[in-house]
Protein backbone atom coordinates (compact mmCIF):
# COMPACT_ATOMS: atom_id res chain seq x y z
CA MET A 1 0.00 0.00 0.00
CA ILE A 2 1.24 3.49 -0.81
CA ASP A 3 1.33 6.03 1.98
CA ARG A 4 1.61 9.83 1.88
CA ILE A 5 5.41 9.75 1.90
CA ASP A 6 5.49 7.34 -1.06
CA ARG A 7 3.04 9.58 -2.91
CA ARG A 8 5.26 12.62 -2.28
CA ILE A 9 8.33 10.66 -3.47
CA LEU A 10 6.45 9.72 -6.64
CA SER A 11 5.49 13.34 -7.20
CA ILE A 12 9.10 14.48 -6.92
CA LEU A 13 10.36 11.72 -9.22
CA GLN A 14 7.67 12.42 -11.84
CA GLU A 15 8.72 16.06 -11.89
CA ASP A 16 12.46 15.32 -12.07
CA CYS A 17 13.90 11.83 -11.66
CA THR A 18 17.42 13.26 -11.40
CA VAL A 19 16.80 14.74 -7.94
CA PRO A 20 19.33 13.07 -5.63
CA VAL A 21 17.89 10.60 -3.12
CA ALA A 22 19.27 12.67 -0.23
CA GLU A 23 17.30 15.70 -1.51
CA ILE A 24 14.14 13.65 -1.98
CA GLY A 25 14.56 12.33 1.56
CA ARG A 26 15.01 15.86 2.90
CA ARG A 27 11.84 17.02 1.14
CA VAL A 28 9.74 14.14 2.51
CA GLY A 29 11.29 14.02 5.99
CA LEU A 30 13.39 10.85 5.66
CA SER A 31 17.09 10.12 5.75
CA THR A 32 18.73 8.86 2.56
CA THR A 33 18.67 5.10 3.26
CA PRO A 34 14.95 4.76 4.14
CA CYS A 35 14.10 7.01 1.20
CA TRP A 36 16.17 4.85 -1.15
CA ARG A 37 14.51 1.71 0.23
CA ARG A 38 11.09 3.18 -0.50
CA ILE A 39 12.09 4.03 -4.07
CA GLN A 40 13.45 0.51 -4.57
CA LYS A 41 10.21 -0.97 -3.20
CA LEU A 42 8.14 1.22 -5.54
CA GLU A 43 10.26 -0.10 -8.43
CA GLU A 44 9.98 -3.73 -7.26
CA ASP A 45 6.19 -3.35 -6.94
CA GLY A 46 6.00 -2.00 -10.50
CA VAL A 47 4.71 1.42 -9.45
CA ILE A 48 7.83 3.00 -10.94
CA THR A 49 8.27 1.35 -14.34
CA GLY A 50 11.28 3.29 -15.61
CA ARG A 51 13.24 6.52 -15.55
CA VAL A 52 13.76 8.46 -18.75
CA ALA A 53 15.04 11.70 -20.23
CA LEU A 54 12.35 13.75 -21.97
CA LEU A 55 13.47 15.25 -25.25
CA ASP A 56 12.44 18.38 -27.12
CA PRO A 57 10.75 17.11 -30.33
CA GLU A 58 11.96 20.08 -32.38
CA LYS A 59 15.57 19.58 -31.33
CA VAL A 60 15.46 15.90 -32.37
CA ASN A 61 13.61 16.74 -35.61
CA VAL A 62 10.22 15.16 -34.93
CA LYS A 63 8.14 18.30 -34.82
CA VAL A 64 5.03 16.89 -36.54
CA THR A 65 2.57 14.93 -34.42
CA ALA A 66 -0.11 12.87 -36.14
CA PHE A 67 -3.00 11.06 -34.49
CA VAL A 68 -3.87 8.03 -36.58
CA ALA A 69 -7.31 6.47 -36.09
CA ILE A 70 -7.52 2.93 -37.43
CA THR A 71 -10.54 0.75 -37.98
CA THR A 72 -10.45 -2.84 -39.14
CA ASN A 73 -12.84 -5.65 -39.85
CA GLN A 74 -10.27 -8.04 -38.36
CA HIS A 75 -11.05 -8.73 -34.71
CA THR A 76 -9.12 -11.90 -34.03
CA GLU A 77 -6.40 -12.39 -31.47
CA ASP A 78 -3.97 -13.45 -34.22
CA TRP A 79 -4.57 -10.25 -36.21
CA LEU A 80 -4.14 -8.10 -33.10
CA ARG A 81 -0.88 -9.87 -32.23
CA LYS A 82 0.41 -9.34 -35.78
CA PHE A 83 -0.69 -5.69 -35.75
CA ALA A 84 0.99 -5.09 -32.38
CA ASP A 85 4.20 -6.67 -33.73
CA VAL A 86 4.08 -4.37 -36.78
CA ILE A 87 3.57 -1.30 -34.58
CA LYS A 88 6.46 -2.29 -32.30
CA GLU A 89 8.74 -2.20 -35.37
CA LEU A 90 7.78 1.40 -36.19
CA PRO A 91 9.71 3.87 -34.00
CA GLU A 92 7.55 6.75 -35.23
CA VAL A 93 4.67 5.35 -33.15
CA VAL A 94 5.15 6.71 -29.64
CA GLU A 95 1.74 5.70 -28.27
CA PHE A 96 -0.60 2.87 -29.30
CA TYR A 97 -4.08 2.24 -27.89
CA ARG A 98 -6.87 -0.26 -28.49
CA MET A 99 -10.06 1.76 -28.29
CA ALA A 100 -13.74 1.33 -27.52
CA GLY A 101 -16.16 3.09 -29.85
CA GLN A 102 -16.01 3.83 -33.57
CA VAL A 103 -12.21 3.72 -33.82
CA ASP A 104 -10.51 0.39 -33.13
CA TYR A 105 -6.93 1.67 -32.58
CA LEU A 106 -5.34 5.05 -32.05
CA LEU A 107 -1.70 5.85 -32.68
CA ARG A 108 0.32 8.93 -31.83
CA VAL A 109 3.02 9.26 -34.44
CA THR A 110 5.92 11.72 -34.47
CA VAL A 111 7.82 12.55 -37.66
CA PRO A 112 9.87 15.43 -39.10
CA ASP A 113 7.37 16.46 -41.80
CA ILE A 114 4.43 15.39 -43.97
CA ALA A 115 6.71 13.55 -46.43
CA ALA A 116 8.04 11.43 -43.54
CA TYR A 117 4.46 10.76 -42.43
CA ASP A 118 3.59 9.63 -45.95
CA ALA A 119 6.55 7.21 -45.93
CA PHE A 120 5.40 5.94 -42.50
CA TYR A 121 1.84 5.48 -43.80
CA LYS A 122 3.00 3.52 -46.85
CA LYS A 123 5.16 1.30 -44.65
CA LEU A 124 2.24 0.69 -42.27
CA ILE A 125 -0.30 -0.29 -44.94
CA SER A 126 2.23 -2.54 -46.68
CA LYS A 127 2.65 -4.62 -43.51
CA ILE A 128 -0.94 -5.12 -42.31
CA ASP A 129 -4.48 -5.16 -43.72
CA ILE A 130 -6.44 -2.20 -42.35
CA THR A 131 -10.03 -1.26 -43.27
CA ASP A 132 -9.71 2.50 -42.73
CA VAL A 133 -7.01 4.94 -41.66
CA SER A 134 -7.82 8.51 -40.73
CA THR A 135 -5.07 10.93 -39.73
CA THR A 136 -5.27 14.29 -38.02
CA PHE A 137 -2.25 16.50 -37.50
CA ALA A 138 -1.64 18.54 -34.37
CA MET A 139 -1.30 22.24 -35.11
CA GLU A 140 -0.10 23.21 -31.63
CA GLN A 141 0.72 21.32 -28.46
CA ILE A 142 -1.08 23.07 -25.61
CA LYS A 143 -0.39 20.59 -22.83
CA CYS A 144 1.90 17.59 -22.68
CA THR A 145 2.94 15.91 -19.48
CA THR A 146 4.22 12.55 -18.41
CA GLU A 147 3.12 13.22 -14.82
CA LEU A 148 0.16 11.08 -13.78
CA PRO A 149 -2.30 12.51 -11.24
CA LEU A 150 -1.47 10.99 -7.86
CA SER A 151 -4.51 12.19 -5.94
CA TYR A 152 -6.42 9.04 -6.89
CA ILE A 153 -4.03 6.70 -5.07
CA PRO A 154 -5.73 5.23 -2.00
CA VAL A 155 -3.38 6.32 0.75
CA GLU A 156 -2.63 4.10 3.71
CA LYS A 157 -3.12 5.95 6.97
CA THR A 158 -0.27 6.16 9.46
CA ARG A 159 -0.77 4.80 12.98
CA ALA A 160 -1.12 8.33 14.35
CA GLU A 161 -3.88 9.14 11.83
CA SER A 162 -5.69 5.89 12.59
CA GLN A 163 -5.64 6.56 16.34
CA GLY A 164 -6.55 10.26 16.09
């Protein structure tokens, strides 16, 4: 169970995973070793799934974001497995979702320009049978975060809170 200290640690790490453990501990009221143990436990429990560097898309030349809505008349497990394998081979796809509703799958694709998107599209349709592909291009990114809201985590009460 995650307590308030764990939640605060997660908040700090989501904001900047390069903050030294001693500083995280200071901010949450723990010494370095217990703080490090908590972080390790959160990793072991799969709450923390990785630590990454976030890159500026323009500086790495992937300034075009496309949202690709895919529908198919193929709804078998074998087709989905093959489709997922195809998508895993395409580094331009940075997010991939199976959807409920009118669209079966949604991809977020990042590329340098429209010509690169066209090449991506041709590669995609050559590898898998798709009924319909509809693409929309982002004009402006207004909000983008990797930080998940932590207020929904059920928080374990401390002994003092339980007794009070």
